[in-house]
Amino acid sequence: MPKVSLDMPNEILNDLKVHVGDDKKFVSVADAIRTACRKMLDQLDEIDARHGRMGE
């Protein structure tokens, strides 16, 4: 799996970490970021479909 590096404001990272750990929604910060990216891409696909921009 490729690795990606990014800069992120500390406030966002701290907000993410509240949801990471045992008995929380995400097992790691990387898992939270992957899940957020997938959700955003799904939303963009839905927007594109509504506007007739989906490719074959």
C-alpha atoms as a PDB file:
ATOM      1  CA  MET A   1       0.000   0.000   0.000  1.00  0.00           C
ATOM      2  CA  PRO A   2       1.458   3.400  -0.925  1.00  0.00           C
ATOM      3  CA  LYS A   3       2.288   5.818   1.861  1.00  0.00           C
ATOM      4  CA  VAL A   4       1.059   9.411   1.786  1.00  0.00           C
ATOM      5  CA  SER A   5       2.439  12.249   3.841  1.00  0.00           C
ATOM      6  CA  LEU A   6       0.451  15.376   4.629  1.00  0.00           C
ATOM      7  CA  ASP A   7       0.440  18.438   6.795  1.00  0.00           C
ATOM      8  CA  MET A   8      -2.598  18.887   9.004  1.00  0.00           C
ATOM      9  CA  PRO A   9      -3.501  21.540  11.550  1.00  0.00           C
ATOM     10  CA  ASN A  10      -3.058  20.268  15.101  1.00  0.00           C
ATOM     11  CA  GLU A  11      -6.688  21.090  15.926  1.00  0.00           C
ATOM     12  CA  ILE A  12      -7.939  18.652  13.265  1.00  0.00           C
ATOM     13  CA  LEU A  13      -5.526  15.947  14.397  1.00  0.00           C
ATOM     14  CA  ASN A  14      -6.622  16.375  18.004  1.00  0.00           C
ATOM     15  CA  ASP A  15     -10.288  16.165  16.958  1.00  0.00           C
ATOM     16  CA  LEU A  16      -9.537  12.939  15.039  1.00  0.00           C
ATOM     17  CA  LYS A  17      -7.708  11.379  17.970  1.00  0.00           C
ATOM     18  CA  VAL A  18     -10.842  11.718  20.129  1.00  0.00           C
ATOM     19  CA  HIS A  19     -12.414   9.049  17.881  1.00  0.00           C
ATOM     20  CA  VAL A  20      -9.380   6.725  17.694  1.00  0.00           C
ATOM     21  CA  GLY A  21      -8.552   3.873  20.047  1.00  0.00           C
ATOM     22  CA  ASP A  22     -10.047   0.911  21.866  1.00  0.00           C
ATOM     23  CA  ASP A  23     -13.858   0.968  21.908  1.00  0.00           C
ATOM     24  CA  LYS A  24     -13.922   3.962  19.540  1.00  0.00           C
ATOM     25  CA  LYS A  25     -14.911   4.272  15.892  1.00  0.00           C
ATOM     26  CA  PHE A  26     -11.407   4.019  14.365  1.00  0.00           C
ATOM     27  CA  VAL A  27      -8.447   1.808  15.204  1.00  0.00           C
ATOM     28  CA  SER A  28      -5.886   4.401  14.080  1.00  0.00           C
ATOM     29  CA  VAL A  29      -5.567   7.925  12.744  1.00  0.00           C
ATOM     30  CA  ALA A  30      -4.683   6.420   9.344  1.00  0.00           C
ATOM     31  CA  ASP A  31      -7.928   4.407   9.426  1.00  0.00           C
ATOM     32  CA  ALA A  32      -9.902   7.574  10.213  1.00  0.00           C
ATOM     33  CA  ILE A  33      -8.275   9.463   7.329  1.00  0.00           C
ATOM     34  CA  ARG A  34      -8.840   6.587   4.864  1.00  0.00           C
ATOM     35  CA  THR A  35     -12.496   6.357   5.900  1.00  0.00           C
ATOM     36  CA  ALA A  36     -12.974  10.116   5.543  1.00  0.00           C
ATOM     37  CA  CYS A  37     -11.396  10.077   2.070  1.00  0.00           C
ATOM     38  CA  ARG A  38     -13.622   7.194   0.943  1.00  0.00           C
ATOM     39  CA  LYS A  39     -16.726   8.990   2.214  1.00  0.00           C
ATOM     40  CA  MET A  40     -15.724  12.230   0.489  1.00  0.00           C
ATOM     41  CA  LEU A  41     -15.087  10.406  -2.807  1.00  0.00           C
ATOM     42  CA  ASP A  42     -18.501   8.699  -2.562  1.00  0.00           C
ATOM     43  CA  GLN A  43     -20.123  12.095  -1.993  1.00  0.00           C
ATOM     44  CA  LEU A  44     -18.271  13.578  -4.978  1.00  0.00           C
ATOM     45  CA  ASP A  45     -19.426  10.641  -7.141  1.00  0.00           C
ATOM     46  CA  GLU A  46     -23.030  11.314  -6.079  1.00  0.00           C
ATOM     47  CA  ILE A  47     -22.684  15.007  -6.933  1.00  0.00           C
ATOM     48  CA  ASP A  48     -21.126  14.180 -10.308  1.00  0.00           C
ATOM     49  CA  ALA A  49     -23.933  11.695 -11.054  1.00  0.00           C
ATOM     50  CA  ARG A  50     -26.587  14.309 -10.266  1.00  0.00           C
ATOM     51  CA  HIS A  51     -24.888  16.729 -12.646  1.00  0.00           C
ATOM     52  CA  GLY A  52     -24.407  14.169 -15.414  1.00  0.00           C
ATOM     53  CA  ARG A  53     -20.628  14.134 -15.077  1.00  0.00           C
ATOM     54  CA  MET A  54     -20.144  10.404 -14.497  1.00  0.00           C
ATOM     55  CA  GLY A  55     -17.974   8.669 -17.082  1.00  0.00           C
ATOM     56  CA  GLU A  56     -18.737   5.351 -18.699  1.00  0.00           C
END
